[in-house]
Amino acid sequence: MSDFCEKGAVIAVSGKPGSGKSTLARNLAGRLGLRYVSVGQIFRSIASSMGVSLEELSRIAESDDSIDRMIDSTAIEEAKRGCVVLDGHLSAWILKDLAHVKIMTYAPLSVRAMRIAMRDGKKLEEALREIEVRESSEARRYMRYYGIDIGDISVFDLIINTSNLSEEETAQIALEAVKVLLEKRLREKLKSS
């Protein structure tokens, strides 16, 4: 068990599709000896089990909040278990104080669309369209269901623009920040108990 796991570390990594959040979250989990949980993978599994695209599931979720509630509940339960890096669009907001460190990855739409097109073997135009539909749907849902403005970045401890960084550089930056922030949070927790 890693030192970070012994301390019950919970790290939330958020960001828009294609910004590098999943890659960073997996890298952090591996380097810190923590579990990795992908909220996006839960969403993709639901879409697959229903036989619909991510776009279509986003539309369905606009009128059926049970999908988002199920995903949120799963994320919160995983955070309560500790020793985890949670990767999800809303993880920083949903986990609130359960997350010791909240990181946001950022990249411009053009970069994100190119990454998704390459990852999924899609045409760039298709990836762009899917991102725009999904993000528009999610922004409406998150505001309506939770009152969350996903443009409000004040909840994050660290924001990394990944557009000109390698996966390794992004991970190194995040790792150093996590070490500092986690130690600070744990000291604060000890003082208040």
Protein backbone atom coordinates (compact mmCIF):
# COMPACT_ATOMS: atom_id res chain seq x y z
CA MET A 1 0.00 0.00 0.00
CA SER A 2 1.36 3.40 -0.95
CA ASP A 3 1.90 6.27 1.46
CA PHE A 4 -0.83 8.17 -0.38
CA CYS A 5 -3.25 5.28 -0.02
CA GLU A 6 -2.49 4.93 3.68
CA LYS A 7 -3.53 8.57 4.01
CA GLY A 8 -6.80 7.81 2.19
CA ALA A 9 -6.05 10.19 -0.67
CA VAL A 10 -8.92 11.15 -2.97
CA ILE A 11 -8.01 13.09 -6.11
CA ALA A 12 -10.62 14.44 -8.53
CA VAL A 13 -9.56 15.07 -12.12
CA SER A 14 -12.03 16.98 -14.28
CA GLY A 15 -11.93 18.41 -17.76
CA LYS A 16 -13.75 18.45 -21.05
CA PRO A 17 -13.63 15.48 -23.46
CA GLY A 18 -10.20 15.16 -25.06
CA SER A 19 -8.47 17.48 -22.58
CA GLY A 20 -6.33 14.67 -21.16
CA LYS A 21 -8.19 14.09 -17.91
CA SER A 22 -8.41 10.30 -18.24
CA THR A 23 -4.77 9.96 -19.26
CA LEU A 24 -3.66 12.14 -16.35
CA ALA A 25 -5.93 10.37 -13.86
CA ARG A 26 -4.62 6.93 -14.90
CA ASN A 27 -1.01 8.20 -14.71
CA LEU A 28 -1.54 9.69 -11.24
CA ALA A 29 -3.27 6.56 -9.95
CA GLY A 30 -0.41 4.38 -11.18
CA ARG A 31 2.35 6.61 -9.82
CA LEU A 32 0.67 7.16 -6.45
CA GLY A 33 -0.49 3.57 -5.94
CA LEU A 34 -4.16 4.58 -5.91
CA ARG A 35 -7.21 3.04 -7.57
CA TYR A 36 -8.46 4.59 -10.81
CA VAL A 37 -12.18 5.14 -11.42
CA SER A 38 -13.50 6.67 -14.65
CA VAL A 39 -16.92 8.30 -14.47
CA GLY A 40 -16.79 8.60 -18.26
CA GLN A 41 -16.35 4.84 -18.54
CA ILE A 42 -19.46 4.35 -16.41
CA PHE A 43 -21.34 6.65 -18.82
CA ARG A 44 -19.95 4.76 -21.85
CA SER A 45 -20.98 1.43 -20.29
CA ILE A 46 -24.52 2.70 -19.80
CA ALA A 47 -24.65 3.87 -23.44
CA SER A 48 -23.36 0.51 -24.63
CA SER A 49 -25.81 -1.47 -22.49
CA MET A 50 -28.68 0.66 -23.86
CA GLY A 51 -27.39 0.31 -27.43
CA VAL A 52 -27.14 4.07 -27.97
CA SER A 53 -24.35 6.51 -28.84
CA LEU A 54 -22.85 8.88 -26.26
CA GLU A 55 -24.65 11.69 -28.07
CA GLU A 56 -28.01 9.92 -27.75
CA LEU A 57 -27.45 9.02 -24.09
CA SER A 58 -26.63 12.68 -23.40
CA ARG A 59 -29.97 13.65 -24.95
CA ILE A 60 -31.82 10.97 -22.95
CA ALA A 61 -30.12 12.13 -19.75
CA GLU A 62 -31.43 15.67 -20.33
CA SER A 63 -34.93 14.43 -19.48
CA ASP A 64 -34.01 11.50 -17.21
CA ASP A 65 -31.88 12.56 -14.26
CA SER A 66 -31.66 8.99 -12.95
CA ILE A 67 -28.68 8.40 -15.26
CA ASP A 68 -26.64 11.25 -13.76
CA ARG A 69 -27.78 10.40 -10.22
CA MET A 70 -26.62 6.80 -10.64
CA ILE A 71 -23.23 7.96 -11.91
CA ASP A 72 -22.88 10.49 -9.06
CA SER A 73 -23.78 7.92 -6.44
CA THR A 74 -21.13 5.54 -7.79
CA ALA A 75 -18.48 8.30 -7.77
CA ILE A 76 -19.30 9.33 -4.19
CA GLU A 77 -19.16 5.73 -2.96
CA GLU A 78 -15.76 5.25 -4.60
CA ALA A 79 -14.47 8.46 -2.97
CA LYS A 80 -15.71 7.34 0.44
CA ARG A 81 -13.62 4.17 0.06
CA GLY A 82 -10.54 6.41 -0.39
CA CYS A 83 -7.26 5.61 -2.14
CA VAL A 84 -8.64 6.73 -5.49
CA VAL A 85 -8.20 9.04 -8.44
CA LEU A 86 -11.63 9.82 -9.90
CA ASP A 87 -11.81 11.01 -13.47
CA GLY A 88 -15.03 12.76 -14.47
CA HIS A 89 -16.43 16.03 -15.79
CA LEU A 90 -18.16 16.88 -12.50
CA SER A 91 -15.99 14.99 -10.04
CA ALA A 92 -14.61 18.16 -8.43
CA TRP A 93 -18.11 19.53 -7.81
CA ILE A 94 -19.84 16.25 -6.91
CA LEU A 95 -17.18 15.05 -4.47
CA LYS A 96 -16.90 18.42 -2.73
CA ASP A 97 -14.80 17.99 0.43
CA LEU A 98 -14.36 14.25 -0.15
CA ALA A 99 -11.66 15.17 -2.68
CA HIS A 100 -8.38 16.30 -1.14
CA VAL A 101 -7.07 17.64 -4.45
CA LYS A 102 -9.09 18.85 -7.46
CA ILE A 103 -7.38 19.13 -10.83
CA MET A 104 -8.74 20.43 -14.12
CA THR A 105 -7.21 19.63 -17.49
CA TYR A 106 -7.74 22.11 -20.29
CA ALA A 107 -7.14 22.13 -24.05
CA PRO A 108 -8.77 24.18 -26.84
CA LEU A 109 -11.64 22.56 -28.78
CA SER A 110 -9.49 22.04 -31.90
CA VAL A 111 -6.88 20.08 -29.92
CA ARG A 112 -9.51 18.05 -28.08
CA ALA A 113 -11.34 17.15 -31.31
CA MET A 114 -8.09 16.02 -32.94
CA ARG A 115 -7.23 13.83 -29.93
CA ILE A 116 -10.68 12.23 -29.88
CA ALA A 117 -10.67 11.67 -33.65
CA MET A 118 -7.29 9.93 -33.40
CA ARG A 119 -8.26 7.92 -30.30
CA ASP A 120 -11.61 6.74 -31.67
CA GLY A 121 -10.67 6.47 -35.35
CA LYS A 122 -13.22 9.11 -36.37
CA LYS A 123 -13.13 11.95 -38.84
CA LEU A 124 -12.24 15.29 -37.28
CA GLU A 125 -15.61 16.81 -38.27
CA GLU A 126 -17.49 13.94 -36.59
CA ALA A 127 -15.46 14.31 -33.40
CA LEU A 128 -16.07 18.08 -33.40
CA ARG A 129 -19.83 17.63 -33.84
CA GLU A 130 -20.05 14.98 -31.10
CA ILE A 131 -18.06 17.14 -28.66
CA GLU A 132 -20.23 20.19 -29.33
CA VAL A 133 -23.50 18.24 -28.91
CA ARG A 134 -22.26 16.47 -25.78
CA GLU A 135 -20.87 19.60 -24.12
CA SER A 136 -23.99 21.62 -24.85
CA SER A 137 -26.19 18.87 -23.42
CA GLU A 138 -24.00 18.44 -20.35
CA ALA A 139 -23.86 22.18 -19.62
CA ARG A 140 -27.68 22.35 -19.67
CA ARG A 141 -28.07 19.22 -17.52
CA TYR A 142 -25.48 20.25 -14.96
CA MET A 143 -27.03 23.69 -14.54
CA ARG A 144 -30.59 22.34 -14.35
CA TYR A 145 -29.93 19.33 -12.06
CA TYR A 146 -27.19 20.72 -9.85
CA GLY A 147 -26.97 24.47 -10.39
CA ILE A 148 -23.37 23.89 -11.52
CA ASP A 149 -21.80 26.26 -14.02
CA ILE A 150 -19.02 24.15 -15.50
CA GLY A 151 -17.32 27.35 -16.60
CA ASP A 152 -16.70 28.20 -12.92
CA ILE A 153 -13.16 27.03 -12.31
CA SER A 154 -12.89 28.36 -8.75
CA VAL A 155 -13.36 24.85 -7.29
CA PHE A 156 -10.02 23.63 -8.64
CA ASP A 157 -6.66 23.55 -6.87
CA LEU A 158 -4.74 23.17 -10.12
CA ILE A 159 -5.55 23.83 -13.79
CA ILE A 160 -3.22 22.41 -16.44
CA ASN A 161 -3.30 23.45 -20.08
CA THR A 162 -2.35 20.15 -21.71
CA SER A 163 -2.36 21.37 -25.32
CA ASN A 164 1.43 21.78 -25.54
CA LEU A 165 2.49 19.26 -22.90
CA SER A 166 3.30 15.58 -23.28
CA GLU A 167 1.51 13.03 -21.12
CA GLU A 168 4.70 12.74 -19.07
CA GLU A 169 5.07 16.50 -18.57
CA THR A 170 1.42 16.81 -17.55
CA ALA A 171 1.81 13.96 -15.06
CA GLN A 172 5.01 15.45 -13.57
CA ILE A 173 3.36 18.84 -13.03
CA ALA A 174 0.28 17.26 -11.45
CA LEU A 175 2.31 14.89 -9.29
CA GLU A 176 4.36 17.69 -7.72
CA ALA A 177 1.23 19.73 -7.04
CA VAL A 178 -0.62 16.73 -5.58
CA LYS A 179 2.24 16.02 -3.16
CA VAL A 180 2.23 19.60 -1.87
CA LEU A 181 -1.56 19.97 -1.73
CA LEU A 182 -2.22 16.59 -0.16
CA GLU A 183 0.30 17.19 2.63
CA LYS A 184 -1.24 20.61 3.26
CA ARG A 185 -4.80 19.21 3.40
CA LEU A 186 -3.81 16.41 5.74
CA ARG A 187 -2.04 18.86 8.09
CA GLU A 188 -5.16 21.06 8.10
CA LYS A 189 -7.32 18.01 8.83
CA LEU A 190 -5.11 17.03 11.79
CA LYS A 191 -5.25 20.57 13.23
CA SER A 192 -9.04 20.66 13.06
CA SER A 193 -9.54 17.27 14.74
